[in-house]
Amino acid sequence: MAFCKHFQRDLQPGAIPHNTESLIAVENHATGMTAFLTAHAGGSYENGLYRIYPTSQMSRWTEVVVEAFPEFRERICCFAFDWLGRVFALDFARRTDDQYLVLMLEPGTGQALEIPTTFMQFHEQELVGYRNEALAAEFFQAWRASGGNTPAFEQCVGYKKPLFLGGSDTIENLEVIDMDVYWSVFEQLPSKVRDLPECTRLGNIQVNE
């Protein structure tokens, strides 16, 4: 698998166990997903660049995310997140060849980005071929080179001041923060402050800002 060749799993003492029984509801629309998650769920990769939720936490994090993005309630199932605290989910409203497509939700910008790939295409093609575009890998390298700490599994490197409130997209505006805390802060902001406009397309990713 291309993902395994390009993403090295981090050492994680006391990693959280997962239960594949919760995947039955979406398996028919994500060929290979259960086998992939059996091997990779609960894992952190490339020093925290990309993390896959234990399957036991997917429902909880889906609820956390839809509290912040209520327009996606009953439409998504969250499966992973990156170092910036951006969450990746299956989008039940979009599909190709009867398989659900991927959505990325960003608390730092208030955006939802439509990624036109299935679950397995996302891991085998998007993350491998568009690593920087999908995960802001170069920004992560700059953060670490500046002395920034690698986030623990339950943490992310979030914006001190969100970009949609005028914060700068710079290393100086970043801090290591608990994922639950980071998302709860975003959730408490009124939707009118986020001011989410209509979809636009950025290369291989369509953005619902």
N, C-alpha and C. Protein backbone atom coordinates (compact mmCIF):
# COMPACT_ATOMS: atom_id res chain seq x y z
N MET A 1 0.84 -1.20 0.00
CA MET A 1 0.00 0.00 0.00
C MET A 1 0.87 1.25 0.00
N ALA A 2 0.49 2.24 -0.81
CA ALA A 2 1.27 3.47 -0.91
C ALA A 2 1.30 4.22 0.41
N PHE A 3 0.19 4.22 1.13
CA PHE A 3 0.14 4.92 2.41
C PHE A 3 1.21 4.39 3.36
N CYS A 4 1.34 3.09 3.45
CA CYS A 4 2.31 2.47 4.37
C CYS A 4 3.74 2.82 3.98
N LYS A 5 4.00 2.98 2.69
CA LYS A 5 5.35 3.30 2.23
C LYS A 5 5.73 4.74 2.53
N HIS A 6 4.76 5.63 2.55
CA HIS A 6 5.05 7.07 2.68
C HIS A 6 4.72 7.65 4.05
N PHE A 7 3.99 6.88 4.88
CA PHE A 7 3.62 7.39 6.21
C PHE A 7 4.08 6.40 7.27
N GLN A 8 5.11 6.81 8.02
CA GLN A 8 5.64 5.96 9.08
C GLN A 8 4.85 6.18 10.37
N ARG A 9 4.45 5.09 10.98
CA ARG A 9 3.66 5.17 12.20
C ARG A 9 4.55 5.56 13.38
N ASP A 10 4.08 6.49 14.19
CA ASP A 10 4.82 6.93 15.36
C ASP A 10 4.70 5.89 16.48
N LEU A 11 5.69 5.86 17.35
CA LEU A 11 5.62 5.01 18.53
C LEU A 11 4.62 5.61 19.51
N GLN A 12 3.68 4.81 19.97
CA GLN A 12 2.63 5.31 20.85
C GLN A 12 2.42 4.37 22.03
N PRO A 13 3.14 4.58 23.12
CA PRO A 13 2.88 3.76 24.31
C PRO A 13 1.44 3.94 24.77
N GLY A 14 0.76 2.83 25.06
CA GLY A 14 -0.61 2.91 25.55
C GLY A 14 -1.59 3.41 24.52
N ALA A 15 -1.40 3.03 23.27
CA ALA A 15 -2.31 3.46 22.21
C ALA A 15 -3.74 3.02 22.51
N ILE A 16 -4.70 3.82 22.06
CA ILE A 16 -6.11 3.56 22.34
C ILE A 16 -6.61 2.42 21.45
N PRO A 17 -7.25 1.39 22.03
CA PRO A 17 -7.77 0.28 21.22
C PRO A 17 -8.95 0.73 20.38
N HIS A 18 -9.27 -0.04 19.34
CA HIS A 18 -10.40 0.30 18.50
C HIS A 18 -11.25 -0.93 18.24
N ASN A 19 -12.47 -0.69 17.81
CA ASN A 19 -13.45 -1.75 17.60
C ASN A 19 -14.04 -1.61 16.21
N THR A 20 -13.79 -2.57 15.33
CA THR A 20 -14.23 -2.45 13.95
C THR A 20 -15.72 -2.71 13.77
N GLU A 21 -16.43 -3.15 14.82
CA GLU A 21 -17.86 -3.39 14.69
C GLU A 21 -18.62 -2.12 14.32
N SER A 22 -18.12 -0.97 14.74
CA SER A 22 -18.80 0.30 14.47
C SER A 22 -18.70 0.71 13.01
N LEU A 23 -17.92 -0.01 12.19
CA LEU A 23 -17.72 0.36 10.79
C LEU A 23 -18.73 -0.29 9.86
N ILE A 24 -19.54 -1.21 10.36
CA ILE A 24 -20.44 -1.97 9.51
C ILE A 24 -21.37 -1.07 8.70
N ALA A 25 -21.85 0.02 9.30
CA ALA A 25 -22.83 0.89 8.65
C ALA A 25 -22.32 1.56 7.40
N VAL A 26 -21.02 1.79 7.30
CA VAL A 26 -20.48 2.49 6.14
C VAL A 26 -19.61 1.61 5.25
N GLU A 27 -19.39 0.35 5.62
CA GLU A 27 -18.47 -0.49 4.89
C GLU A 27 -18.88 -0.69 3.43
N ASN A 28 -20.16 -0.81 3.15
CA ASN A 28 -20.60 -1.05 1.78
C ASN A 28 -20.30 0.12 0.86
N HIS A 29 -20.04 1.28 1.45
CA HIS A 29 -19.77 2.46 0.64
C HIS A 29 -18.30 2.89 0.72
N ALA A 30 -17.46 2.04 1.24
CA ALA A 30 -16.04 2.38 1.37
C ALA A 30 -15.22 1.10 1.26
N THR A 31 -15.09 0.61 0.03
CA THR A 31 -14.39 -0.64 -0.20
C THR A 31 -12.97 -0.59 0.37
N GLY A 32 -12.67 -1.57 1.23
CA GLY A 32 -11.34 -1.65 1.82
C GLY A 32 -11.17 -0.86 3.09
N MET A 33 -12.17 -0.09 3.48
CA MET A 33 -12.02 0.79 4.64
C MET A 33 -11.84 0.01 5.93
N THR A 34 -12.65 -1.04 6.15
CA THR A 34 -12.54 -1.78 7.40
C THR A 34 -11.18 -2.43 7.55
N ALA A 35 -10.66 -3.02 6.48
CA ALA A 35 -9.33 -3.64 6.54
C ALA A 35 -8.27 -2.58 6.83
N PHE A 36 -8.41 -1.42 6.22
CA PHE A 36 -7.44 -0.34 6.44
C PHE A 36 -7.48 0.11 7.89
N LEU A 37 -8.67 0.32 8.43
CA LEU A 37 -8.78 0.80 9.80
C LEU A 37 -8.41 -0.26 10.82
N THR A 38 -8.61 -1.52 10.49
CA THR A 38 -8.17 -2.57 11.39
C THR A 38 -6.66 -2.48 11.61
N ALA A 39 -5.94 -2.10 10.56
CA ALA A 39 -4.48 -1.98 10.65
C ALA A 39 -4.02 -0.63 11.16
N HIS A 40 -4.78 0.43 10.90
CA HIS A 40 -4.26 1.78 11.14
C HIS A 40 -5.02 2.64 12.13
N ALA A 41 -6.26 2.29 12.49
CA ALA A 41 -7.03 3.14 13.41
C ALA A 41 -6.31 3.28 14.75
N GLY A 42 -6.34 4.48 15.30
CA GLY A 42 -5.64 4.77 16.54
C GLY A 42 -4.19 5.12 16.36
N GLY A 43 -3.74 5.20 15.10
CA GLY A 43 -2.34 5.47 14.82
C GLY A 43 -2.04 6.93 14.54
N SER A 44 -0.81 7.34 14.90
CA SER A 44 -0.29 8.67 14.59
C SER A 44 0.86 8.48 13.61
N TYR A 45 0.96 9.35 12.59
CA TYR A 45 1.94 9.16 11.53
C TYR A 45 2.78 10.42 11.29
N GLU A 46 4.04 10.18 10.97
CA GLU A 46 4.97 11.25 10.62
C GLU A 46 5.04 12.33 11.70
N ASN A 47 5.30 11.88 12.95
CA ASN A 47 5.46 12.80 14.09
C ASN A 47 4.22 13.63 14.37
N GLY A 48 3.05 13.02 14.16
CA GLY A 48 1.80 13.70 14.46
C GLY A 48 1.22 14.49 13.30
N LEU A 49 1.82 14.39 12.12
CA LEU A 49 1.30 15.10 10.96
C LEU A 49 -0.13 14.68 10.66
N TYR A 50 -0.41 13.36 10.77
CA TYR A 50 -1.72 12.81 10.45
C TYR A 50 -2.07 11.75 11.49
N ARG A 51 -3.28 11.82 12.03
CA ARG A 51 -3.74 10.86 13.03
C ARG A 51 -5.08 10.26 12.60
N ILE A 52 -5.27 8.96 12.82
CA ILE A 52 -6.52 8.27 12.52
C ILE A 52 -7.20 7.91 13.84
N TYR A 53 -8.44 8.32 14.00
CA TYR A 53 -9.14 8.05 15.24
C TYR A 53 -9.28 6.55 15.49
N PRO A 54 -9.19 6.11 16.75
CA PRO A 54 -9.66 4.77 17.08
C PRO A 54 -11.14 4.71 16.68
N THR A 55 -11.62 3.60 16.18
CA THR A 55 -13.02 3.55 15.74
C THR A 55 -13.98 3.80 16.89
N SER A 56 -13.54 3.54 18.11
CA SER A 56 -14.38 3.79 19.28
C SER A 56 -14.61 5.28 19.52
N GLN A 57 -13.78 6.15 18.91
CA GLN A 57 -13.91 7.60 19.11
C GLN A 57 -14.55 8.32 17.93
N MET A 58 -14.82 7.60 16.85
CA MET A 58 -15.32 8.25 15.64
C MET A 58 -16.70 8.88 15.84
N SER A 59 -17.59 8.19 16.54
CA SER A 59 -18.93 8.74 16.77
C SER A 59 -18.86 9.99 17.64
N ARG A 60 -18.03 9.95 18.69
CA ARG A 60 -17.90 11.11 19.57
C ARG A 60 -17.36 12.32 18.83
N TRP A 61 -16.34 12.09 18.00
CA TRP A 61 -15.76 13.22 17.28
C TRP A 61 -16.67 13.72 16.16
N THR A 62 -17.48 12.84 15.61
CA THR A 62 -18.47 13.29 14.64
C THR A 62 -19.44 14.25 15.31
N GLU A 63 -19.86 13.93 16.54
CA GLU A 63 -20.77 14.80 17.27
C GLU A 63 -20.11 16.13 17.62
N VAL A 64 -18.84 16.10 18.02
CA VAL A 64 -18.11 17.33 18.32
C VAL A 64 -18.07 18.24 17.09
N VAL A 65 -17.77 17.65 15.95
CA VAL A 65 -17.63 18.43 14.73
C VAL A 65 -18.96 19.00 14.26
N VAL A 66 -20.05 18.21 14.32
CA VAL A 66 -21.33 18.73 13.84
C VAL A 66 -21.92 19.77 14.79
N GLU A 67 -21.47 19.79 16.04
CA GLU A 67 -21.88 20.88 16.93
C GLU A 67 -21.29 22.19 16.44
N ALA A 68 -20.09 22.12 15.86
CA ALA A 68 -19.44 23.32 15.33
C ALA A 68 -19.90 23.63 13.91
N PHE A 69 -20.23 22.59 13.14
CA PHE A 69 -20.71 22.73 11.77
C PHE A 69 -22.08 22.05 11.67
N PRO A 70 -23.13 22.64 12.24
CA PRO A 70 -24.44 21.97 12.30
C PRO A 70 -25.05 21.66 10.94
N GLU A 71 -24.60 22.34 9.90
CA GLU A 71 -25.12 22.07 8.56
C GLU A 71 -24.75 20.67 8.06
N PHE A 72 -23.79 20.02 8.75
CA PHE A 72 -23.36 18.69 8.34
C PHE A 72 -23.89 17.58 9.26
N ARG A 73 -24.84 17.91 10.14
CA ARG A 73 -25.41 16.90 11.03
C ARG A 73 -26.09 15.80 10.21
N GLU A 74 -25.86 14.55 10.62
CA GLU A 74 -26.39 13.37 9.96
C GLU A 74 -25.88 13.22 8.52
N ARG A 75 -24.78 13.91 8.22
CA ARG A 75 -24.24 13.85 6.87
C ARG A 75 -22.81 13.30 6.84
N ILE A 76 -22.11 13.29 7.98
CA ILE A 76 -20.70 12.92 7.98
C ILE A 76 -20.37 11.87 9.04
N CYS A 77 -19.22 11.23 8.84
CA CYS A 77 -18.63 10.33 9.83
C CYS A 77 -17.14 10.62 9.87
N CYS A 78 -16.64 11.15 10.98
CA CYS A 78 -15.25 11.58 11.09
C CYS A 78 -14.33 10.38 11.31
N PHE A 79 -13.18 10.38 10.63
CA PHE A 79 -12.26 9.25 10.76
C PHE A 79 -10.82 9.64 11.06
N ALA A 80 -10.43 10.89 10.88
CA ALA A 80 -9.02 11.25 11.10
C ALA A 80 -8.89 12.75 11.30
N PHE A 81 -7.68 13.18 11.71
CA PHE A 81 -7.39 14.60 11.85
C PHE A 81 -5.89 14.83 11.66
N ASP A 82 -5.53 16.08 11.37
CA ASP A 82 -4.12 16.37 11.14
C ASP A 82 -3.56 17.25 12.26
N TRP A 83 -2.32 17.66 12.10
CA TRP A 83 -1.61 18.39 13.16
C TRP A 83 -2.25 19.73 13.46
N LEU A 84 -2.95 20.34 12.49
CA LEU A 84 -3.61 21.63 12.69
C LEU A 84 -5.00 21.48 13.30
N GLY A 85 -5.39 20.25 13.65
CA GLY A 85 -6.70 20.04 14.24
C GLY A 85 -7.82 19.97 13.23
N ARG A 86 -7.49 19.87 11.95
CA ARG A 86 -8.50 19.76 10.91
C ARG A 86 -8.97 18.31 10.84
N VAL A 87 -10.27 18.13 10.77
CA VAL A 87 -10.85 16.79 10.84
C VAL A 87 -11.30 16.33 9.46
N PHE A 88 -11.03 15.06 9.15
CA PHE A 88 -11.43 14.45 7.88
C PHE A 88 -12.61 13.52 8.13
N ALA A 89 -13.59 13.56 7.23
CA ALA A 89 -14.81 12.79 7.41
C ALA A 89 -15.31 12.23 6.09
N LEU A 90 -16.08 11.15 6.16
CA LEU A 90 -16.83 10.68 5.01
C LEU A 90 -18.08 11.54 4.90
N ASP A 91 -18.40 11.96 3.68
CA ASP A 91 -19.54 12.83 3.43
C ASP A 91 -20.63 12.01 2.74
N PHE A 92 -21.72 11.72 3.47
CA PHE A 92 -22.78 10.86 2.94
C PHE A 92 -23.59 11.53 1.84
N ALA A 93 -23.41 12.82 1.65
CA ALA A 93 -24.16 13.54 0.61
C ALA A 93 -23.43 13.55 -0.73
N ARG A 94 -22.21 13.06 -0.74
CA ARG A 94 -21.41 13.05 -1.96
C ARG A 94 -20.84 11.64 -2.16
N ARG A 95 -20.89 11.16 -3.38
CA ARG A 95 -20.35 9.83 -3.64
C ARG A 95 -19.96 9.67 -5.11
N THR A 96 -19.11 8.70 -5.37
CA THR A 96 -18.75 8.31 -6.72
C THR A 96 -18.60 6.81 -6.73
N ASP A 97 -19.11 6.16 -7.78
CA ASP A 97 -19.08 4.70 -7.86
C ASP A 97 -19.65 4.08 -6.59
N ASP A 98 -20.70 4.70 -6.04
CA ASP A 98 -21.40 4.23 -4.83
C ASP A 98 -20.52 4.23 -3.58
N GLN A 99 -19.46 5.06 -3.58
CA GLN A 99 -18.61 5.20 -2.40
C GLN A 99 -18.61 6.66 -1.96
N TYR A 100 -18.70 6.88 -0.66
CA TYR A 100 -18.73 8.23 -0.12
C TYR A 100 -17.39 8.93 -0.34
N LEU A 101 -17.46 10.25 -0.48
CA LEU A 101 -16.26 11.07 -0.67
C LEU A 101 -15.85 11.73 0.64
N VAL A 102 -14.68 12.35 0.63
CA VAL A 102 -14.07 12.88 1.86
C VAL A 102 -14.33 14.39 2.00
N LEU A 103 -14.51 14.81 3.23
CA LEU A 103 -14.69 16.22 3.57
C LEU A 103 -13.69 16.58 4.66
N MET A 104 -13.07 17.75 4.56
CA MET A 104 -12.17 18.23 5.61
C MET A 104 -12.77 19.47 6.25
N LEU A 105 -12.84 19.48 7.59
CA LEU A 105 -13.45 20.59 8.33
C LEU A 105 -12.38 21.26 9.18
N GLU A 106 -12.27 22.59 9.04
CA GLU A 106 -11.19 23.35 9.66
C GLU A 106 -11.69 24.33 10.72
N PRO A 107 -11.39 24.10 11.98
CA PRO A 107 -11.80 25.06 13.01
C PRO A 107 -11.01 26.36 12.97
N GLY A 108 -9.80 26.33 12.43
CA GLY A 108 -8.97 27.53 12.40
C GLY A 108 -9.40 28.55 11.37
N THR A 109 -10.10 28.07 10.31
CA THR A 109 -10.52 28.96 9.23
C THR A 109 -12.04 29.04 9.09
N GLY A 110 -12.74 28.10 9.72
CA GLY A 110 -14.19 28.07 9.58
C GLY A 110 -14.64 27.50 8.25
N GLN A 111 -13.79 26.72 7.59
CA GLN A 111 -14.08 26.20 6.27
C GLN A 111 -14.36 24.70 6.28
N ALA A 112 -15.15 24.27 5.31
CA ALA A 112 -15.34 22.85 5.02
C ALA A 112 -14.88 22.63 3.59
N LEU A 113 -13.94 21.74 3.39
CA LEU A 113 -13.33 21.53 2.08
C LEU A 113 -13.73 20.18 1.53
N GLU A 114 -14.33 20.17 0.35
CA GLU A 114 -14.75 18.94 -0.31
C GLU A 114 -13.59 18.36 -1.10
N ILE A 115 -13.16 17.17 -0.73
CA ILE A 115 -12.06 16.48 -1.40
C ILE A 115 -12.68 15.39 -2.27
N PRO A 116 -12.51 15.44 -3.58
CA PRO A 116 -13.21 14.52 -4.49
C PRO A 116 -12.56 13.15 -4.60
N THR A 117 -12.34 12.49 -3.45
CA THR A 117 -11.77 11.15 -3.44
C THR A 117 -12.53 10.28 -2.44
N THR A 118 -12.51 8.97 -2.66
CA THR A 118 -13.09 8.03 -1.71
C THR A 118 -12.11 7.84 -0.55
N PHE A 119 -12.52 7.10 0.45
CA PHE A 119 -11.67 6.86 1.61
C PHE A 119 -10.32 6.27 1.21
N MET A 120 -10.32 5.23 0.41
CA MET A 120 -9.06 4.59 0.03
C MET A 120 -8.26 5.45 -0.94
N GLN A 121 -8.92 6.14 -1.86
CA GLN A 121 -8.21 7.05 -2.76
C GLN A 121 -7.54 8.17 -1.97
N PHE A 122 -8.22 8.62 -0.92
CA PHE A 122 -7.65 9.68 -0.09
C PHE A 122 -6.33 9.23 0.53
N HIS A 123 -6.29 8.01 1.06
CA HIS A 123 -5.08 7.51 1.72
C HIS A 123 -4.02 7.03 0.74
N GLU A 124 -4.43 6.46 -0.37
CA GLU A 124 -3.46 5.89 -1.31
C GLU A 124 -2.99 6.87 -2.37
N GLN A 125 -3.78 7.93 -2.63
CA GLN A 125 -3.42 8.88 -3.70
C GLN A 125 -3.29 10.30 -3.19
N GLU A 126 -4.33 10.81 -2.54
CA GLU A 126 -4.32 12.22 -2.12
C GLU A 126 -3.21 12.51 -1.11
N LEU A 127 -3.14 11.73 -0.04
CA LEU A 127 -2.13 11.98 0.98
C LEU A 127 -0.72 11.73 0.47
N VAL A 128 -0.57 10.80 -0.46
CA VAL A 128 0.74 10.46 -1.01
C VAL A 128 1.17 11.47 -2.07
N GLY A 129 0.26 11.78 -3.00
CA GLY A 129 0.62 12.68 -4.11
C GLY A 129 0.46 14.15 -3.80
N TYR A 130 -0.39 14.49 -2.84
CA TYR A 130 -0.65 15.89 -2.50
C TYR A 130 -0.48 16.09 -0.99
N ARG A 131 0.61 15.58 -0.46
CA ARG A 131 0.86 15.61 0.98
C ARG A 131 0.82 17.02 1.55
N ASN A 132 1.45 17.95 0.86
CA ASN A 132 1.49 19.32 1.38
C ASN A 132 0.13 19.99 1.28
N GLU A 133 -0.55 19.80 0.14
CA GLU A 133 -1.86 20.42 -0.04
C GLU A 133 -2.88 19.86 0.95
N ALA A 134 -2.82 18.56 1.23
CA ALA A 134 -3.80 17.93 2.10
C ALA A 134 -3.51 18.15 3.58
N LEU A 135 -2.22 18.19 3.95
CA LEU A 135 -1.85 18.21 5.37
C LEU A 135 -0.98 19.39 5.78
N ALA A 136 -0.76 20.35 4.88
CA ALA A 136 0.12 21.49 5.19
C ALA A 136 1.45 21.00 5.75
N ALA A 137 2.04 20.02 5.06
CA ALA A 137 3.26 19.36 5.54
C ALA A 137 4.44 20.32 5.65
N GLU A 138 4.58 21.24 4.71
CA GLU A 138 5.71 22.18 4.76
C GLU A 138 5.56 23.15 5.94
N PHE A 139 4.34 23.55 6.23
CA PHE A 139 4.08 24.41 7.38
C PHE A 139 4.43 23.67 8.67
N PHE A 140 4.12 22.38 8.71
CA PHE A 140 4.45 21.54 9.86
C PHE A 140 5.96 21.44 10.04
N GLN A 141 6.68 21.27 8.96
CA GLN A 141 8.14 21.21 9.03
C GLN A 141 8.70 22.52 9.55
N ALA A 142 8.12 23.64 9.10
CA ALA A 142 8.57 24.95 9.57
C ALA A 142 8.28 25.12 11.06
N TRP A 143 7.12 24.65 11.50
CA TRP A 143 6.77 24.70 12.92
C TRP A 143 7.78 23.93 13.76
N ARG A 144 8.11 22.73 13.35
CA ARG A 144 9.04 21.90 14.10
C ARG A 144 10.47 22.48 14.05
N ALA A 145 10.84 23.03 12.89
CA ALA A 145 12.17 23.62 12.75
C ALA A 145 12.33 24.85 13.64
N SER A 146 11.22 25.52 13.94
CA SER A 146 11.26 26.71 14.79
C SER A 146 11.32 26.35 16.27
N GLY A 147 11.28 25.05 16.57
CA GLY A 147 11.30 24.61 17.96
C GLY A 147 9.95 24.23 18.50
N GLY A 148 8.93 24.24 17.62
CA GLY A 148 7.58 23.87 18.05
C GLY A 148 7.49 22.40 18.44
N ASN A 149 6.73 22.11 19.48
CA ASN A 149 6.60 20.74 19.97
C ASN A 149 5.72 19.89 19.05
N THR A 150 6.03 18.60 19.01
CA THR A 150 5.19 17.66 18.30
C THR A 150 3.95 17.39 19.16
N PRO A 151 2.74 17.55 18.61
CA PRO A 151 1.54 17.35 19.43
C PRO A 151 1.35 15.89 19.81
N ALA A 152 0.85 15.65 21.02
CA ALA A 152 0.46 14.31 21.43
C ALA A 152 -0.79 13.93 20.64
N PHE A 153 -1.19 12.66 20.75
CA PHE A 153 -2.30 12.18 19.93
C PHE A 153 -3.57 13.01 20.14
N GLU A 154 -3.84 13.42 21.38
CA GLU A 154 -5.07 14.13 21.68
C GLU A 154 -4.91 15.65 21.54
N GLN A 155 -3.77 16.09 21.01
CA GLN A 155 -3.50 17.52 20.84
C GLN A 155 -3.42 17.89 19.35
N CYS A 156 -3.40 19.19 19.10
CA CYS A 156 -3.11 19.71 17.76
C CYS A 156 -2.31 20.99 17.93
N VAL A 157 -1.87 21.57 16.83
CA VAL A 157 -1.20 22.86 16.84
C VAL A 157 -2.21 23.85 16.24
N GLY A 158 -2.91 24.56 17.10
CA GLY A 158 -3.99 25.42 16.64
C GLY A 158 -3.60 26.88 16.56
N TYR A 159 -4.46 27.65 15.91
CA TYR A 159 -4.24 29.09 15.81
C TYR A 159 -4.67 29.77 17.11
N LYS A 160 -3.80 30.61 17.66
CA LYS A 160 -4.15 31.37 18.86
C LYS A 160 -5.33 32.30 18.56
N LYS A 161 -5.29 32.92 17.40
CA LYS A 161 -6.38 33.76 16.92
C LYS A 161 -6.81 33.19 15.57
N PRO A 162 -8.04 32.68 15.45
CA PRO A 162 -8.49 32.06 14.21
C PRO A 162 -8.32 32.98 13.01
N LEU A 163 -8.06 32.39 11.86
CA LEU A 163 -7.84 33.19 10.65
C LEU A 163 -9.09 33.98 10.28
N PHE A 164 -10.29 33.42 10.52
CA PHE A 164 -11.51 34.13 10.15
C PHE A 164 -11.81 35.29 11.10
N LEU A 165 -11.01 35.42 12.18
CA LEU A 165 -11.13 36.59 13.07
C LEU A 165 -9.95 37.53 12.89
N GLY A 166 -9.21 37.34 11.80
CA GLY A 166 -8.09 38.24 11.49
C GLY A 166 -6.74 37.75 11.94
N GLY A 167 -6.67 36.51 12.45
CA GLY A 167 -5.38 35.95 12.86
C GLY A 167 -4.47 35.72 11.66
N SER A 168 -3.17 35.72 11.90
CA SER A 168 -2.22 35.53 10.82
C SER A 168 -1.88 34.06 10.64
N ASP A 169 -1.65 33.67 9.40
CA ASP A 169 -1.30 32.28 9.09
C ASP A 169 0.21 32.12 9.21
N THR A 170 0.70 32.29 10.43
CA THR A 170 2.14 32.27 10.70
C THR A 170 2.43 31.38 11.90
N ILE A 171 3.69 30.98 12.02
CA ILE A 171 4.11 30.14 13.14
C ILE A 171 3.89 30.85 14.47
N GLU A 172 4.07 32.17 14.48
CA GLU A 172 3.90 32.94 15.72
C GLU A 172 2.46 32.88 16.24
N ASN A 173 1.53 32.56 15.37
CA ASN A 173 0.11 32.51 15.76
C ASN A 173 -0.33 31.08 16.09
N LEU A 174 0.63 30.18 16.29
CA LEU A 174 0.32 28.78 16.58
C LEU A 174 0.68 28.42 18.03
N GLU A 175 -0.04 27.43 18.56
CA GLU A 175 0.26 26.89 19.89
C GLU A 175 -0.25 25.46 19.98
N VAL A 176 0.41 24.65 20.78
CA VAL A 176 -0.08 23.30 21.04
C VAL A 176 -1.26 23.40 21.99
N ILE A 177 -2.36 22.73 21.63
CA ILE A 177 -3.58 22.83 22.42
C ILE A 177 -4.33 21.51 22.36
N ASP A 178 -5.09 21.20 23.39
CA ASP A 178 -5.90 20.00 23.41
C ASP A 178 -6.98 20.09 22.32
N MET A 179 -7.19 18.99 21.57
CA MET A 179 -8.17 19.01 20.48
C MET A 179 -9.56 19.36 20.96
N ASP A 180 -9.98 18.78 22.08
CA ASP A 180 -11.32 19.07 22.60
C ASP A 180 -11.48 20.55 22.92
N VAL A 181 -10.46 21.14 23.52
CA VAL A 181 -10.50 22.56 23.86
C VAL A 181 -10.55 23.41 22.60
N TYR A 182 -9.73 23.08 21.63
CA TYR A 182 -9.65 23.87 20.39
C TYR A 182 -10.99 23.87 19.67
N TRP A 183 -11.61 22.70 19.55
CA TRP A 183 -12.90 22.62 18.86
C TRP A 183 -14.02 23.25 19.68
N SER A 184 -13.95 23.18 21.01
CA SER A 184 -15.01 23.77 21.84
C SER A 184 -14.99 25.30 21.72
N VAL A 185 -13.80 25.89 21.59
CA VAL A 185 -13.69 27.34 21.41
C VAL A 185 -14.34 27.75 20.09
N PHE A 186 -14.07 26.99 19.03
CA PHE A 186 -14.67 27.30 17.73
C PHE A 186 -16.18 27.13 17.78
N GLU A 187 -16.63 26.09 18.45
CA GLU A 187 -18.06 25.81 18.54
C GLU A 187 -18.83 26.94 19.21
N GLN A 188 -18.19 27.63 20.15
CA GLN A 188 -18.87 28.69 20.90
C GLN A 188 -19.00 29.99 20.13
N LEU A 189 -18.28 30.12 19.02
CA LEU A 189 -18.36 31.34 18.22
C LEU A 189 -19.66 31.34 17.42
N PRO A 190 -20.37 32.44 17.38
CA PRO A 190 -21.62 32.51 16.60
C PRO A 190 -21.34 32.24 15.12
N SER A 191 -22.27 31.56 14.46
CA SER A 191 -22.08 31.24 13.04
C SER A 191 -21.96 32.50 12.19
N LYS A 192 -22.60 33.59 12.60
CA LYS A 192 -22.52 34.83 11.82
C LYS A 192 -21.11 35.42 11.87
N VAL A 193 -20.34 35.10 12.92
CA VAL A 193 -18.96 35.57 13.01
C VAL A 193 -18.10 34.81 12.02
N ARG A 194 -18.40 33.51 11.85
CA ARG A 194 -17.62 32.70 10.92
C ARG A 194 -17.89 33.10 9.47
N ASP A 195 -19.16 33.49 9.18
CA ASP A 195 -19.52 34.01 7.87
C ASP A 195 -19.08 33.06 6.76
N LEU A 196 -19.66 31.87 6.74
CA LEU A 196 -19.26 30.85 5.78
C LEU A 196 -19.91 31.08 4.42
N PRO A 197 -19.13 31.45 3.36
CA PRO A 197 -19.71 31.64 2.04
C PRO A 197 -19.89 30.34 1.26
N GLU A 198 -20.19 30.49 -0.05
CA GLU A 198 -20.44 29.32 -0.90
C GLU A 198 -19.15 28.66 -1.35
N CYS A 199 -19.34 27.51 -2.05
CA CYS A 199 -18.19 26.69 -2.47
C CYS A 199 -17.33 27.38 -3.53
N THR A 200 -16.05 27.15 -3.44
CA THR A 200 -15.10 27.50 -4.49
C THR A 200 -14.18 26.30 -4.65
N ARG A 201 -13.39 26.27 -5.72
CA ARG A 201 -12.51 25.13 -5.95
C ARG A 201 -11.06 25.56 -5.91
N LEU A 202 -10.24 24.81 -5.19
CA LEU A 202 -8.80 25.03 -5.10
C LEU A 202 -8.10 23.78 -5.59
N GLY A 203 -7.68 23.77 -6.87
CA GLY A 203 -6.97 22.62 -7.41
C GLY A 203 -7.79 21.36 -7.29
N ASN A 204 -7.29 20.38 -6.55
CA ASN A 204 -7.96 19.09 -6.40
C ASN A 204 -8.93 19.09 -5.22
N ILE A 205 -9.11 20.27 -4.58
CA ILE A 205 -9.97 20.35 -3.40
C ILE A 205 -10.99 21.45 -3.58
N GLN A 206 -12.27 21.14 -3.35
CA GLN A 206 -13.32 22.13 -3.41
C GLN A 206 -13.61 22.63 -2.01
N VAL A 207 -13.70 23.95 -1.87
CA VAL A 207 -13.80 24.55 -0.54
C VAL A 207 -15.19 25.12 -0.28
N ASN A 208 -15.76 24.74 0.86
CA ASN A 208 -17.01 25.30 1.35
C ASN A 208 -16.63 26.19 2.52
N GLU A 209 -16.27 27.44 2.29
CA GLU A 209 -15.70 28.30 3.34
C GLU A 209 -16.74 28.67 4.39
